[in-house]
Amino acid sequence: MDTMQISLLVLVIVSIICLIVLTVYLAKVLFSANKLINNVNQTMDTVNGELKPVVNDLKETISGVNSLVKTADNRVKLINCTLNGIIGATGVLGGKLKGVMSGVIEGFKAGINMFKK
C-alpha cells in the first residue's frame, strides 16, 4: 500500500467515526428535546386545569363588583335628584321670601314716613 491509499483509508475511518459520534449526539439531543416537550405539555395541562377555577372565581367577582357599582350608581342618582329637588324648592322659597321681605320693608318704611309727618 502506498501512502495515498493509507491516507484515504484513514480519512474513511475518521469520517465513519465522526458520523457515528454525530449520530449518537443527535439521538441524545432528540431524546432530550422529546423529554422537554413532554414536560412542557404536562405543565401546560396543569396550568390549564388550575386556571379554569380561577377564571370562574374572577367572573363571579367581576359580576359582584358590577352589581355593587350599579346599586351605588342608582343610589347616587336618587340622592342627586333629591338634592336637586330640595335646592330647587329652597331657591323658589328663597325667591318668594325675598319678595315678601322687600314688601314688608317697604311697608315698614311707609309706616315710619307716615308717623314722621
PDB file of N, CA and C in Angstrom:
ATOM      1  N   MET A   1       0.832  -1.169   0.000  1.00  0.00           N
ATOM      2  CA  MET A   1       0.000   0.000   0.000  1.00  0.00           C
ATOM      3  C   MET A   1       0.881   1.238   0.000  1.00  0.00           C
ATOM      4  N   ASP A   2       0.466   2.086  -0.798  1.00  0.00           N
ATOM      5  CA  ASP A   2       1.222   3.330  -0.817  1.00  0.00           C
ATOM      6  C   ASP A   2       0.546   4.353   0.099  1.00  0.00           C
ATOM      7  N   THR A   3       1.163   5.464   0.257  1.00  0.00           N
ATOM      8  CA  THR A   3       0.693   6.468   1.205  1.00  0.00           C
ATOM      9  C   THR A   3      -0.651   7.053   0.810  1.00  0.00           C
ATOM     10  N   MET A   4      -0.930   7.090  -0.449  1.00  0.00           N
ATOM     11  CA  MET A   4      -2.217   7.644  -0.894  1.00  0.00           C
ATOM     12  C   MET A   4      -3.364   6.762  -0.440  1.00  0.00           C
ATOM     13  N   GLN A   5      -3.220   5.477  -0.565  1.00  0.00           N
ATOM     14  CA  GLN A   5      -4.259   4.551  -0.149  1.00  0.00           C
ATOM     15  C   GLN A   5      -4.413   4.556   1.373  1.00  0.00           C
ATOM     16  N   ILE A   6      -3.303   4.659   2.090  1.00  0.00           N
ATOM     17  CA  ILE A   6      -3.358   4.703   3.558  1.00  0.00           C
ATOM     18  C   ILE A   6      -4.067   5.997   3.997  1.00  0.00           C
ATOM     19  N   SER A   7      -3.768   7.084   3.349  1.00  0.00           N
ATOM     20  CA  SER A   7      -4.415   8.364   3.680  1.00  0.00           C
ATOM     21  C   SER A   7      -5.913   8.287   3.437  1.00  0.00           C
ATOM     22  N   LEU A   8      -6.312   7.701   2.318  1.00  0.00           N
ATOM     23  CA  LEU A   8      -7.741   7.563   2.023  1.00  0.00           C
ATOM     24  C   LEU A   8      -8.418   6.639   3.023  1.00  0.00           C
ATOM     25  N   LEU A   9      -7.757   5.548   3.417  1.00  0.00           N
ATOM     26  CA  LEU A   9      -8.316   4.619   4.392  1.00  0.00           C
ATOM     27  C   LEU A   9      -8.488   5.305   5.741  1.00  0.00           C
ATOM     28  N   VAL A  10      -7.516   6.087   6.179  1.00  0.00           N
ATOM     29  CA  VAL A  10      -7.604   6.828   7.442  1.00  0.00           C
ATOM     30  C   VAL A  10      -8.729   7.863   7.359  1.00  0.00           C
ATOM     31  N   LEU A  11      -8.846   8.520   6.226  1.00  0.00           N
ATOM     32  CA  LEU A  11      -9.910   9.508   6.036  1.00  0.00           C
ATOM     33  C   LEU A  11     -11.292   8.859   6.130  1.00  0.00           C
ATOM     34  N   VAL A  12     -11.453   7.700   5.533  1.00  0.00           N
ATOM     35  CA  VAL A  12     -12.732   6.987   5.580  1.00  0.00           C
ATOM     36  C   VAL A  12     -13.037   6.554   7.007  1.00  0.00           C
ATOM     37  N   ILE A  13     -12.039   6.021   7.711  1.00  0.00           N
ATOM     38  CA  ILE A  13     -12.251   5.567   9.091  1.00  0.00           C
ATOM     39  C   ILE A  13     -12.606   6.756   9.990  1.00  0.00           C
ATOM     40  N   VAL A  14     -11.883   7.857   9.867  1.00  0.00           N
ATOM     41  CA  VAL A  14     -12.169   9.053  10.667  1.00  0.00           C
ATOM     42  C   VAL A  14     -13.551   9.603  10.322  1.00  0.00           C
ATOM     43  N   SER A  15     -13.939   9.594   9.064  1.00  0.00           N
ATOM     44  CA  SER A  15     -15.265  10.075   8.652  1.00  0.00           C
ATOM     45  C   SER A  15     -16.356   9.198   9.244  1.00  0.00           C
ATOM     46  N   ILE A  16     -16.162   7.867   9.242  1.00  0.00           N
ATOM     47  CA  ILE A  16     -17.153   6.954   9.817  1.00  0.00           C
ATOM     48  C   ILE A  16     -17.273   7.184  11.317  1.00  0.00           C
ATOM     49  N   ILE A  17     -16.141   7.361  12.004  1.00  0.00           N
ATOM     50  CA  ILE A  17     -16.174   7.630  13.450  1.00  0.00           C
ATOM     51  C   ILE A  17     -16.897   8.954  13.722  1.00  0.00           C
ATOM     52  N   CYS A  18     -16.621   9.962  12.923  1.00  0.00           N
ATOM     53  CA  CYS A  18     -17.309  11.266  13.093  1.00  0.00           C
ATOM     54  C   CYS A  18     -18.804  11.123  12.873  1.00  0.00           C
ATOM     55  N   LEU A  19     -19.218  10.370  11.856  1.00  0.00           N
ATOM     56  CA  LEU A  19     -20.647  10.157  11.596  1.00  0.00           C
ATOM     57  C   LEU A  19     -21.306   9.403  12.739  1.00  0.00           C
ATOM     58  N   ILE A  20     -20.608   8.421  13.295  1.00  0.00           N
ATOM     59  CA  ILE A  20     -21.165   7.674  14.430  1.00  0.00           C
ATOM     60  C   ILE A  20     -21.319   8.580  15.641  1.00  0.00           C
ATOM     61  N   VAL A  21     -20.297   9.357  15.939  1.00  0.00           N
ATOM     62  CA  VAL A  21     -20.364  10.286  17.087  1.00  0.00           C
ATOM     63  C   VAL A  21     -21.467  11.318  16.865  1.00  0.00           C
ATOM     64  N   LEU A  22     -21.558  11.853  15.669  1.00  0.00           N
ATOM     65  CA  LEU A  22     -22.589  12.844  15.354  1.00  0.00           C
ATOM     66  C   LEU A  22     -23.987  12.234  15.466  1.00  0.00           C
ATOM     67  N   THR A  23     -24.163  10.997  15.024  1.00  0.00           N
ATOM     68  CA  THR A  23     -25.460  10.322  15.108  1.00  0.00           C
ATOM     69  C   THR A  23     -25.851  10.089  16.562  1.00  0.00           C
ATOM     70  N   VAL A  24     -24.902   9.642  17.380  1.00  0.00           N
ATOM     71  CA  VAL A  24     -25.183   9.432  18.808  1.00  0.00           C
ATOM     72  C   VAL A  24     -25.542  10.758  19.476  1.00  0.00           C
ATOM     73  N   TYR A  25     -24.787  11.800  19.182  1.00  0.00           N
ATOM     74  CA  TYR A  25     -25.070  13.118  19.763  1.00  0.00           C
ATOM     75  C   TYR A  25     -26.451  13.619  19.332  1.00  0.00           C
ATOM     76  N   LEU A  26     -26.773  13.479  18.053  1.00  0.00           N
ATOM     77  CA  LEU A  26     -28.064  13.907  17.544  1.00  0.00           C
ATOM     78  C   LEU A  26     -29.202  13.110  18.176  1.00  0.00           C
ATOM     79  N   ALA A  27     -29.005  11.826  18.400  1.00  0.00           N
ATOM     80  CA  ALA A  27     -30.018  10.999  19.054  1.00  0.00           C
ATOM     81  C   ALA A  27     -30.246  11.471  20.486  1.00  0.00           C
ATOM     82  N   LYS A  28     -29.171  11.808  21.214  1.00  0.00           N
ATOM     83  CA  LYS A  28     -29.311  12.324  22.581  1.00  0.00           C
ATOM     84  C   LYS A  28     -30.051  13.665  22.593  1.00  0.00           C
ATOM     85  N   VAL A  29     -29.740  14.516  21.635  1.00  0.00           N
ATOM     86  CA  VAL A  29     -30.409  15.823  21.556  1.00  0.00           C
ATOM     87  C   VAL A  29     -31.899  15.628  21.276  1.00  0.00           C
ATOM     88  N   LEU A  30     -32.240  14.753  20.365  1.00  0.00           N
ATOM     89  CA  LEU A  30     -33.649  14.497  20.051  1.00  0.00           C
ATOM     90  C   LEU A  30     -34.381  13.879  21.246  1.00  0.00           C
ATOM     91  N   PHE A  31     -33.719  12.987  21.980  1.00  0.00           N
ATOM     92  CA  PHE A  31     -34.328  12.392  23.161  1.00  0.00           C
ATOM     93  C   PHE A  31     -34.576  13.456  24.230  1.00  0.00           C
ATOM     94  N   SER A  32     -33.608  14.335  24.441  1.00  0.00           N
ATOM     95  CA  SER A  32     -33.771  15.426  25.422  1.00  0.00           C
ATOM     96  C   SER A  32     -34.873  16.386  24.991  1.00  0.00           C
ATOM     97  N   ALA A  33     -34.941  16.697  23.710  1.00  0.00           N
ATOM     98  CA  ALA A  33     -35.996  17.588  23.212  1.00  0.00           C
ATOM     99  C   ALA A  33     -37.365  16.953  23.404  1.00  0.00           C
ATOM    100  N   ASN A  34     -37.481  15.646  23.161  1.00  0.00           N
ATOM    101  CA  ASN A  34     -38.750  14.948  23.354  1.00  0.00           C
ATOM    102  C   ASN A  34     -39.163  14.985  24.824  1.00  0.00           C
ATOM    103  N   LYS A  35     -38.204  14.751  25.727  1.00  0.00           N
ATOM    104  CA  LYS A  35     -38.484  14.795  27.156  1.00  0.00           C
ATOM    105  C   LYS A  35     -38.915  16.201  27.586  1.00  0.00           C
ATOM    106  N   LEU A  36     -38.241  17.207  27.068  1.00  0.00           N
ATOM    107  CA  LEU A  36     -38.594  18.598  27.381  1.00  0.00           C
ATOM    108  C   LEU A  36     -40.001  18.924  26.898  1.00  0.00           C
ATOM    109  N   ILE A  37     -40.338  18.499  25.703  1.00  0.00           N
ATOM    110  CA  ILE A  37     -41.678  18.775  25.158  1.00  0.00           C
ATOM    111  C   ILE A  37     -42.749  18.090  25.995  1.00  0.00           C
ATOM    112  N   ASN A  38     -42.466  16.865  26.446  1.00  0.00           N
ATOM    113  CA  ASN A  38     -43.432  16.170  27.305  1.00  0.00           C
ATOM    114  C   ASN A  38     -43.619  16.902  28.633  1.00  0.00           C
ATOM    115  N   ASN A  39     -42.521  17.390  29.220  1.00  0.00           N
ATOM    116  CA  ASN A  39     -42.621  18.156  30.470  1.00  0.00           C
ATOM    117  C   ASN A  39     -43.396  19.453  30.275  1.00  0.00           C
ATOM    118  N   VAL A  40     -43.141  20.132  29.176  1.00  0.00           N
ATOM    119  CA  VAL A  40     -43.876  21.378  28.883  1.00  0.00           C
ATOM    120  C   VAL A  40     -45.350  21.075  28.684  1.00  0.00           C
ATOM    121  N   ASN A  41     -45.668  19.984  28.020  1.00  0.00           N
ATOM    122  CA  ASN A  41     -47.061  19.605  27.796  1.00  0.00           C
ATOM    123  C   ASN A  41     -47.757  19.312  29.124  1.00  0.00           C
ATOM    124  N   GLN A  42     -47.093  18.590  30.030  1.00  0.00           N
ATOM    125  CA  GLN A  42     -47.680  18.317  31.345  1.00  0.00           C
ATOM    126  C   GLN A  42     -47.879  19.604  32.133  1.00  0.00           C
ATOM    127  N   THR A  43     -46.907  20.499  32.055  1.00  0.00           N
ATOM    128  CA  THR A  43     -47.036  21.779  32.759  1.00  0.00           C
ATOM    129  C   THR A  43     -48.204  22.583  32.222  1.00  0.00           C
ATOM    130  N   MET A  44     -48.366  22.602  30.910  1.00  0.00           N
ATOM    131  CA  MET A  44     -49.487  23.344  30.306  1.00  0.00           C
ATOM    132  C   MET A  44     -50.825  22.734  30.710  1.00  0.00           C
ATOM    133  N   ASP A  45     -50.895  21.408  30.782  1.00  0.00           N
ATOM    134  CA  ASP A  45     -52.132  20.765  31.218  1.00  0.00           C
ATOM    135  C   ASP A  45     -52.455  21.135  32.664  1.00  0.00           C
ATOM    136  N   THR A  46     -51.430  21.161  33.517  1.00  0.00           N
ATOM    137  CA  THR A  46     -51.634  21.536  34.914  1.00  0.00           C
ATOM    138  C   THR A  46     -52.080  22.988  35.036  1.00  0.00           C
ATOM    139  N   VAL A  47     -51.410  23.864  34.314  1.00  0.00           N
ATOM    140  CA  VAL A  47     -51.770  25.292  34.353  1.00  0.00           C
ATOM    141  C   VAL A  47     -53.188  25.492  33.830  1.00  0.00           C
ATOM    142  N   ASN A  48     -53.526  24.807  32.752  1.00  0.00           N
ATOM    143  CA  ASN A  48     -54.866  24.925  32.181  1.00  0.00           C
ATOM    144  C   ASN A  48     -55.917  24.446  33.175  1.00  0.00           C
ATOM    145  N   GLY A  49     -55.644  23.348  33.856  1.00  0.00           N
ATOM    146  CA  GLY A  49     -56.588  22.833  34.849  1.00  0.00           C
ATOM    147  C   GLY A  49     -56.744  23.770  36.028  1.00  0.00           C
ATOM    148  N   GLU A  50     -55.667  24.427  36.429  1.00  0.00           N
ATOM    149  CA  GLU A  50     -55.726  25.342  37.571  1.00  0.00           C
ATOM    150  C   GLU A  50     -56.339  26.690  37.201  1.00  0.00           C
ATOM    151  N   LEU A  51     -56.245  27.068  35.946  1.00  0.00           N
ATOM    152  CA  LEU A  51     -56.767  28.375  35.537  1.00  0.00           C
ATOM    153  C   LEU A  51     -58.285  28.405  35.457  1.00  0.00           C
ATOM    154  N   LYS A  52     -58.911  27.284  35.149  1.00  0.00           N
ATOM    155  CA  LYS A  52     -60.369  27.275  34.994  1.00  0.00           C
ATOM    156  C   LYS A  52     -61.086  27.730  36.266  1.00  0.00           C
ATOM    157  N   PRO A  53     -60.761  27.199  37.460  1.00  0.00           N
ATOM    158  CA  PRO A  53     -61.431  27.702  38.662  1.00  0.00           C
ATOM    159  C   PRO A  53     -61.115  29.169  38.950  1.00  0.00           C
ATOM    160  N   VAL A  54     -59.880  29.575  38.668  1.00  0.00           N
ATOM    161  CA  VAL A  54     -59.502  30.973  38.908  1.00  0.00           C
ATOM    162  C   VAL A  54     -60.313  31.904  38.012  1.00  0.00           C
ATOM    163  N   VAL A  55     -60.484  31.517  36.752  1.00  0.00           N
ATOM    164  CA  VAL A  55     -61.254  32.338  35.821  1.00  0.00           C
ATOM    165  C   VAL A  55     -62.721  32.396  36.263  1.00  0.00           C
ATOM    166  N   ASN A  56     -63.265  31.267  36.717  1.00  0.00           N
ATOM    167  CA  ASN A  56     -64.654  31.260  37.185  1.00  0.00           C
ATOM    168  C   ASN A  56     -64.813  32.154  38.411  1.00  0.00           C
ATOM    169  N   ASP A  57     -63.871  32.085  39.362  1.00  0.00           N
ATOM    170  CA  ASP A  57     -63.929  32.963  40.530  1.00  0.00           C
ATOM    171  C   ASP A  57     -63.817  34.426  40.130  1.00  0.00           C
ATOM    172  N   LEU A  58     -62.958  34.708  39.169  1.00  0.00           N
ATOM    173  CA  LEU A  58     -62.792  36.078  38.692  1.00  0.00           C
ATOM    174  C   LEU A  58     -64.073  36.589  38.047  1.00  0.00           C
ATOM    175  N   LYS A  59     -64.750  35.734  37.276  1.00  0.00           N
ATOM    176  CA  LYS A  59     -66.021  36.137  36.663  1.00  0.00           C
ATOM    177  C   LYS A  59     -67.064  36.448  37.731  1.00  0.00           C
ATOM    178  N   GLU A  60     -67.139  35.596  38.773  1.00  0.00           N
ATOM    179  CA  GLU A  60     -68.093  35.852  39.854  1.00  0.00           C
ATOM    180  C   GLU A  60     -67.772  37.161  40.574  1.00  0.00           C
ATOM    181  N   THR A  61     -66.502  37.403  40.822  1.00  0.00           N
ATOM    182  CA  THR A  61     -66.097  38.633  41.499  1.00  0.00           C
ATOM    183  C   THR A  61     -66.436  39.856  40.658  1.00  0.00           C
ATOM    184  N   ILE A  62     -66.180  39.775  39.376  1.00  0.00           N
ATOM    185  CA  ILE A  62     -66.475  40.903  38.492  1.00  0.00           C
ATOM    186  C   ILE A  62     -67.977  41.160  38.436  1.00  0.00           C
ATOM    187  N   SER A  63     -68.786  40.102  38.375  1.00  0.00           N
ATOM    188  CA  SER A  63     -70.237  40.315  38.339  1.00  0.00           C
ATOM    189  C   SER A  63     -70.718  40.916  39.655  1.00  0.00           C
ATOM    190  N   GLY A  64     -70.122  40.495  40.789  1.00  0.00           N
ATOM    191  CA  GLY A  64     -70.482  41.094  42.079  1.00  0.00           C
ATOM    192  C   GLY A  64     -70.106  42.557  42.145  1.00  0.00           C
ATOM    193  N   VAL A  65     -68.924  42.891  41.662  1.00  0.00           N
ATOM    194  CA  VAL A  65     -68.489  44.300  41.651  1.00  0.00           C
ATOM    195  C   VAL A  65     -69.391  45.118  40.736  1.00  0.00           C
ATOM    196  N   ASN A  66     -69.770  44.552  39.588  1.00  0.00           N
ATOM    197  CA  ASN A  66     -70.661  45.270  38.673  1.00  0.00           C
ATOM    198  C   ASN A  66     -72.014  45.542  39.321  1.00  0.00           C
ATOM    199  N   SER A  67     -72.553  44.573  40.048  1.00  0.00           N
ATOM    200  CA  SER A  67     -73.842  44.798  40.704  1.00  0.00           C
ATOM    201  C   SER A  67     -73.710  45.857  41.793  1.00  0.00           C
ATOM    202  N   LEU A  68     -72.587  45.853  42.543  1.00  0.00           N
ATOM    203  CA  LEU A  68     -72.375  46.893  43.555  1.00  0.00           C
ATOM    204  C   LEU A  68     -72.260  48.276  42.920  1.00  0.00           C
ATOM    205  N   VAL A  69     -71.576  48.355  41.802  1.00  0.00           N
ATOM    206  CA  VAL A  69     -71.424  49.637  41.112  1.00  0.00           C
ATOM    207  C   VAL A  69     -72.768  50.133  40.606  1.00  0.00           C
ATOM    208  N   LYS A  70     -73.582  49.226  40.058  1.00  0.00           N
ATOM    209  CA  LYS A  70     -74.903  49.633  39.572  1.00  0.00           C
ATOM    210  C   LYS A  70     -75.782  50.121  40.723  1.00  0.00           C
ATOM    211  N   THR A  71     -75.739  49.408  41.864  1.00  0.00           N
ATOM    212  CA  THR A  71     -76.522  49.823  43.027  1.00  0.00           C
ATOM    213  C   THR A  71     -76.058  51.189  43.528  1.00  0.00           C
ATOM    214  N   ALA A  72     -74.745  51.366  43.624  1.00  0.00           N
ATOM    215  CA  ALA A  72     -74.213  52.657  44.078  1.00  0.00           C
ATOM    216  C   ALA A  72     -74.576  53.771  43.102  1.00  0.00           C
ATOM    217  N   ASP A  73     -74.524  53.484  41.806  1.00  0.00           N
ATOM    218  CA  ASP A  73     -74.876  54.475  40.804  1.00  0.00           C
ATOM    219  C   ASP A  73     -76.343  54.871  40.928  1.00  0.00           C
ATOM    220  N   ASN A  74     -77.209  53.893  41.124  1.00  0.00           N
ATOM    221  CA  ASN A  74     -78.636  54.200  41.293  1.00  0.00           C
ATOM    222  C   ASN A  74     -78.872  55.036  42.539  1.00  0.00           C
ATOM    223  N   ARG A  75     -78.174  54.707  43.628  1.00  0.00           N
ATOM    224  CA  ARG A  75     -78.355  55.486  44.863  1.00  0.00           C
ATOM    225  C   ARG A  75     -77.830  56.907  44.692  1.00  0.00           C
ATOM    226  N   VAL A  76     -76.716  57.066  44.016  1.00  0.00           N
ATOM    227  CA  VAL A  76     -76.178  58.413  43.773  1.00  0.00           C
ATOM    228  C   VAL A  76     -77.154  59.221  42.921  1.00  0.00           C
ATOM    229  N   LYS A  77     -77.729  58.591  41.911  1.00  0.00           N
ATOM    230  CA  LYS A  77     -78.720  59.291  41.081  1.00  0.00           C
ATOM    231  C   LYS A  77     -79.926  59.700  41.906  1.00  0.00           C
ATOM    232  N   LEU A  78     -80.391  58.797  42.804  1.00  0.00           N
ATOM    233  CA  LEU A  78     -81.537  59.117  43.656  1.00  0.00           C
ATOM    234  C   LEU A  78     -81.201  60.282  44.584  1.00  0.00           C
ATOM    235  N   ILE A  79     -80.013  60.265  45.200  1.00  0.00           N
ATOM    236  CA  ILE A  79     -79.613  61.362  46.085  1.00  0.00           C
ATOM    237  C   ILE A  79     -79.473  62.658  45.293  1.00  0.00           C
ATOM    238  N   ASN A  80     -78.942  62.560  44.089  1.00  0.00           N
ATOM    239  CA  ASN A  80     -78.789  63.747  43.243  1.00  0.00           C
ATOM    240  C   ASN A  80     -80.152  64.348  42.915  1.00  0.00           C
ATOM    241  N   CYS A  81     -81.117  63.503  42.554  1.00  0.00           N
ATOM    242  CA  CYS A  81     -82.464  64.001  42.258  1.00  0.00           C
ATOM    243  C   CYS A  81     -83.093  64.630  43.496  1.00  0.00           C
ATOM    244  N   THR A  82     -82.909  63.991  44.647  1.00  0.00           N
ATOM    245  CA  THR A  82     -83.472  64.527  45.891  1.00  0.00           C
ATOM    246  C   THR A  82     -82.838  65.874  46.225  1.00  0.00           C
ATOM    247  N   LEU A  83     -81.519  65.974  46.121  1.00  0.00           N
ATOM    248  CA  LEU A  83     -80.855  67.246  46.411  1.00  0.00           C
ATOM    249  C   LEU A  83     -81.258  68.328  45.424  1.00  0.00           C
ATOM    250  N   ASN A  84     -81.419  67.973  44.163  1.00  0.00           N
ATOM    251  CA  ASN A  84     -81.877  68.958  43.182  1.00  0.00           C
ATOM    252  C   ASN A  84     -83.275  69.451  43.527  1.00  0.00           C
ATOM    253  N   GLY A  85     -84.139  68.539  43.987  1.00  0.00           N
ATOM    254  CA  GLY A  85     -85.487  68.942  44.398  1.00  0.00           C
ATOM    255  C   GLY A  85     -85.457  69.868  45.594  1.00  0.00           C
ATOM    256  N   ILE A  86     -84.602  69.526  46.577  1.00  0.00           N
ATOM    257  CA  ILE A  86     -84.506  70.370  47.779  1.00  0.00           C
ATOM    258  C   ILE A  86     -83.922  71.729  47.429  1.00  0.00           C
ATOM    259  N   ILE A  87     -82.869  71.739  46.633  1.00  0.00           N
ATOM    260  CA  ILE A  87     -82.247  73.007  46.239  1.00  0.00           C
ATOM    261  C   ILE A  87     -83.210  73.841  45.408  1.00  0.00           C
ATOM    262  N   GLY A  88     -83.954  73.199  44.530  1.00  0.00           N
ATOM    263  CA  GLY A  88     -84.929  73.930  43.719  1.00  0.00           C
ATOM    264  C   GLY A  88     -86.036  74.524  44.573  1.00  0.00           C
ATOM    265  N   ALA A  89     -86.526  73.721  45.533  1.00  0.00           N
ATOM    266  CA  ALA A  89     -87.577  74.226  46.426  1.00  0.00           C
ATOM    267  C   ALA A  89     -87.054  75.354  47.293  1.00  0.00           C
ATOM    268  N   THR A  90     -85.838  75.226  47.779  1.00  0.00           N
ATOM    269  CA  THR A  90     -85.241  76.286  48.597  1.00  0.00           C
ATOM    270  C   THR A  90     -85.043  77.548  47.768  1.00  0.00           C
ATOM    271  N   GLY A  91     -84.654  77.395  46.533  1.00  0.00           N
ATOM    272  CA  GLY A  91     -84.468  78.559  45.666  1.00  0.00           C
ATOM    273  C   GLY A  91     -85.789  79.264  45.407  1.00  0.00           C
ATOM    274  N   VAL A  92     -86.833  78.491  45.131  1.00  0.00           N
ATOM    275  CA  VAL A  92     -88.152  79.094  44.895  1.00  0.00           C
ATOM    276  C   VAL A  92     -88.648  79.770  46.165  1.00  0.00           C
ATOM    277  N   LEU A  93     -88.533  79.080  47.300  1.00  0.00           N
ATOM    278  CA  LEU A  93     -88.971  79.645  48.571  1.00  0.00           C
ATOM    279  C   LEU A  93     -88.154  80.879  48.925  1.00  0.00           C
ATOM    280  N   GLY A  94     -86.846  80.802  48.674  1.00  0.00           N
ATOM    281  CA  GLY A  94     -85.989  81.964  48.948  1.00  0.00           C
ATOM    282  C   GLY A  94     -86.375  83.149  48.071  1.00  0.00           C
ATOM    283  N   GLY A  95     -86.712  82.898  46.806  1.00  0.00           N
ATOM    284  CA  GLY A  95     -87.124  83.988  45.917  1.00  0.00           C
ATOM    285  C   GLY A  95     -88.427  84.626  46.385  1.00  0.00           C
ATOM    286  N   LYS A  96     -89.376  83.766  46.796  1.00  0.00           N
ATOM    287  CA  LYS A  96     -90.656  84.307  47.293  1.00  0.00           C
ATOM    288  C   LYS A  96     -90.456  85.034  48.610  1.00  0.00           C
ATOM    289  N   LEU A  97     -89.605  84.479  49.476  1.00  0.00           N
ATOM    290  CA  LEU A  97     -89.339  85.111  50.762  1.00  0.00           C
ATOM    291  C   LEU A  97     -88.670  86.466  50.568  1.00  0.00           C
ATOM    292  N   LYS A  98     -87.803  86.559  49.578  1.00  0.00           N
ATOM    293  CA  LYS A  98     -87.148  87.831  49.290  1.00  0.00           C
ATOM    294  C   LYS A  98     -88.185  88.859  48.847  1.00  0.00           C
ATOM    295  N   GLY A  99     -89.125  88.418  48.012  1.00  0.00           N
ATOM    296  CA  GLY A  99     -90.179  89.340  47.576  1.00  0.00           C
ATOM    297  C   GLY A  99     -91.064  89.782  48.735  1.00  0.00           C
ATOM    298  N   VAL A 100     -91.407  88.852  49.622  1.00  0.00           N
ATOM    299  CA  VAL A 100     -92.234  89.188  50.794  1.00  0.00           C
ATOM    300  C   VAL A 100     -91.470  90.120  51.715  1.00  0.00           C
ATOM    301  N   MET A 101     -90.216  89.849  51.958  1.00  0.00           N
ATOM    302  CA  MET A 101     -89.423  90.695  52.854  1.00  0.00           C
ATOM    303  C   MET A 101     -89.256  92.103  52.288  1.00  0.00           C
ATOM    304  N   SER A 102     -89.063  92.199  50.994  1.00  0.00           N
ATOM    305  CA  SER A 102     -88.945  93.550  50.417  1.00  0.00           C
ATOM    306  C   SER A 102     -90.270  94.298  50.554  1.00  0.00           C
ATOM    307  N   GLY A 103     -91.378  93.568  50.433  1.00  0.00           N
ATOM    308  CA  GLY A 103     -92.686  94.212  50.632  1.00  0.00           C
ATOM    309  C   GLY A 103     -92.876  94.653  52.067  1.00  0.00           C
ATOM    310  N   VAL A 104     -92.461  93.839  53.025  1.00  0.00           N
ATOM    311  CA  VAL A 104     -92.580  94.183  54.446  1.00  0.00           C
ATOM    312  C   VAL A 104     -91.706  95.400  54.759  1.00  0.00           C
ATOM    313  N   ILE A 105     -90.504  95.394  54.222  1.00  0.00           N
ATOM    314  CA  ILE A 105     -89.595  96.528  54.462  1.00  0.00           C
ATOM    315  C   ILE A 105     -90.180  97.804  53.868  1.00  0.00           C
ATOM    316  N   GLU A 106     -90.722  97.710  52.675  1.00  0.00           N
ATOM    317  CA  GLU A 106     -91.332  98.902  52.063  1.00  0.00           C
ATOM    318  C   GLU A 106     -92.530  99.391  52.889  1.00  0.00           C
ATOM    319  N   GLY A 107     -93.322  98.418  53.390  1.00  0.00           N
ATOM    320  CA  GLY A 107     -94.470  98.794  54.238  1.00  0.00           C
ATOM    321  C   GLY A 107     -94.013  99.423  55.532  1.00  0.00           C
ATOM    322  N   PHE A 108     -92.954  98.897  56.108  1.00  0.00           N
ATOM    323  CA  PHE A 108     -92.422  99.443  57.348  1.00  0.00           C
ATOM    324  C   PHE A 108     -91.905 100.861  57.130  1.00  0.00           C
ATOM    325  N   LYS A 109     -91.193 101.065  56.008  1.00  0.00           N
ATOM    326  CA  LYS A 109     -90.695 102.398  55.683  1.00  0.00           C
ATOM    327  C   LYS A 109     -91.856 103.370  55.466  1.00  0.00           C
ATOM    328  N   ALA A 110     -92.884 102.904  54.786  1.00  0.00           N
ATOM    329  CA  ALA A 110     -94.055 103.770  54.554  1.00  0.00           C
ATOM    330  C   ALA A 110     -94.727 104.152  55.872  1.00  0.00           C
ATOM    331  N   GLY A 111     -94.812 103.177  56.804  1.00  0.00           N
ATOM    332  CA  GLY A 111     -95.402 103.455  58.109  1.00  0.00           C
ATOM    333  C   GLY A 111     -94.586 104.461  58.897  1.00  0.00           C
ATOM    334  N   ILE A 112     -93.293 104.339  58.879  1.00  0.00           N
ATOM    335  CA  ILE A 112     -92.408 105.257  59.594  1.00  0.00           C
ATOM    336  C   ILE A 112     -92.513 106.644  58.962  1.00  0.00           C
ATOM    337  N   ASN A 113     -92.532 106.719  57.643  1.00  0.00           N
ATOM    338  CA  ASN A 113     -92.637 108.006  56.989  1.00  0.00           C
ATOM    339  C   ASN A 113     -93.967 108.668  57.309  1.00  0.00           C
ATOM    340  N   MET A 114     -95.004 107.880  57.492  1.00  0.00           N
ATOM    341  CA  MET A 114     -96.313 108.445  57.806  1.00  0.00           C
ATOM    342  C   MET A 114     -96.316 109.061  59.211  1.00  0.00           C
ATOM    343  N   PHE A 115     -95.643 108.412  60.148  1.00  0.00           N
ATOM    344  CA  PHE A 115     -95.592 108.932  61.511  1.00  0.00           C
ATOM    345  C   PHE A 115     -94.663 110.144  61.614  1.00  0.00           C
ATOM    346  N   LYS A 116     -93.683 110.259  60.734  1.00  0.00           N
ATOM    347  CA  LYS A 116     -92.760 111.364  60.761  1.00  0.00           C
ATOM    348  C   LYS A 116     -93.469 112.661  60.370  1.00  0.00           C
ATOM    349  N   LYS A 117     -94.407 112.623  59.555  1.00  0.00           N
ATOM    350  CA  LYS A 117     -95.054 113.836  59.066  1.00  0.00           C
ATOM    351  C   LYS A 117     -96.042 114.328  60.029  1.00  0.00           C
TER     352      LYS A 117
END
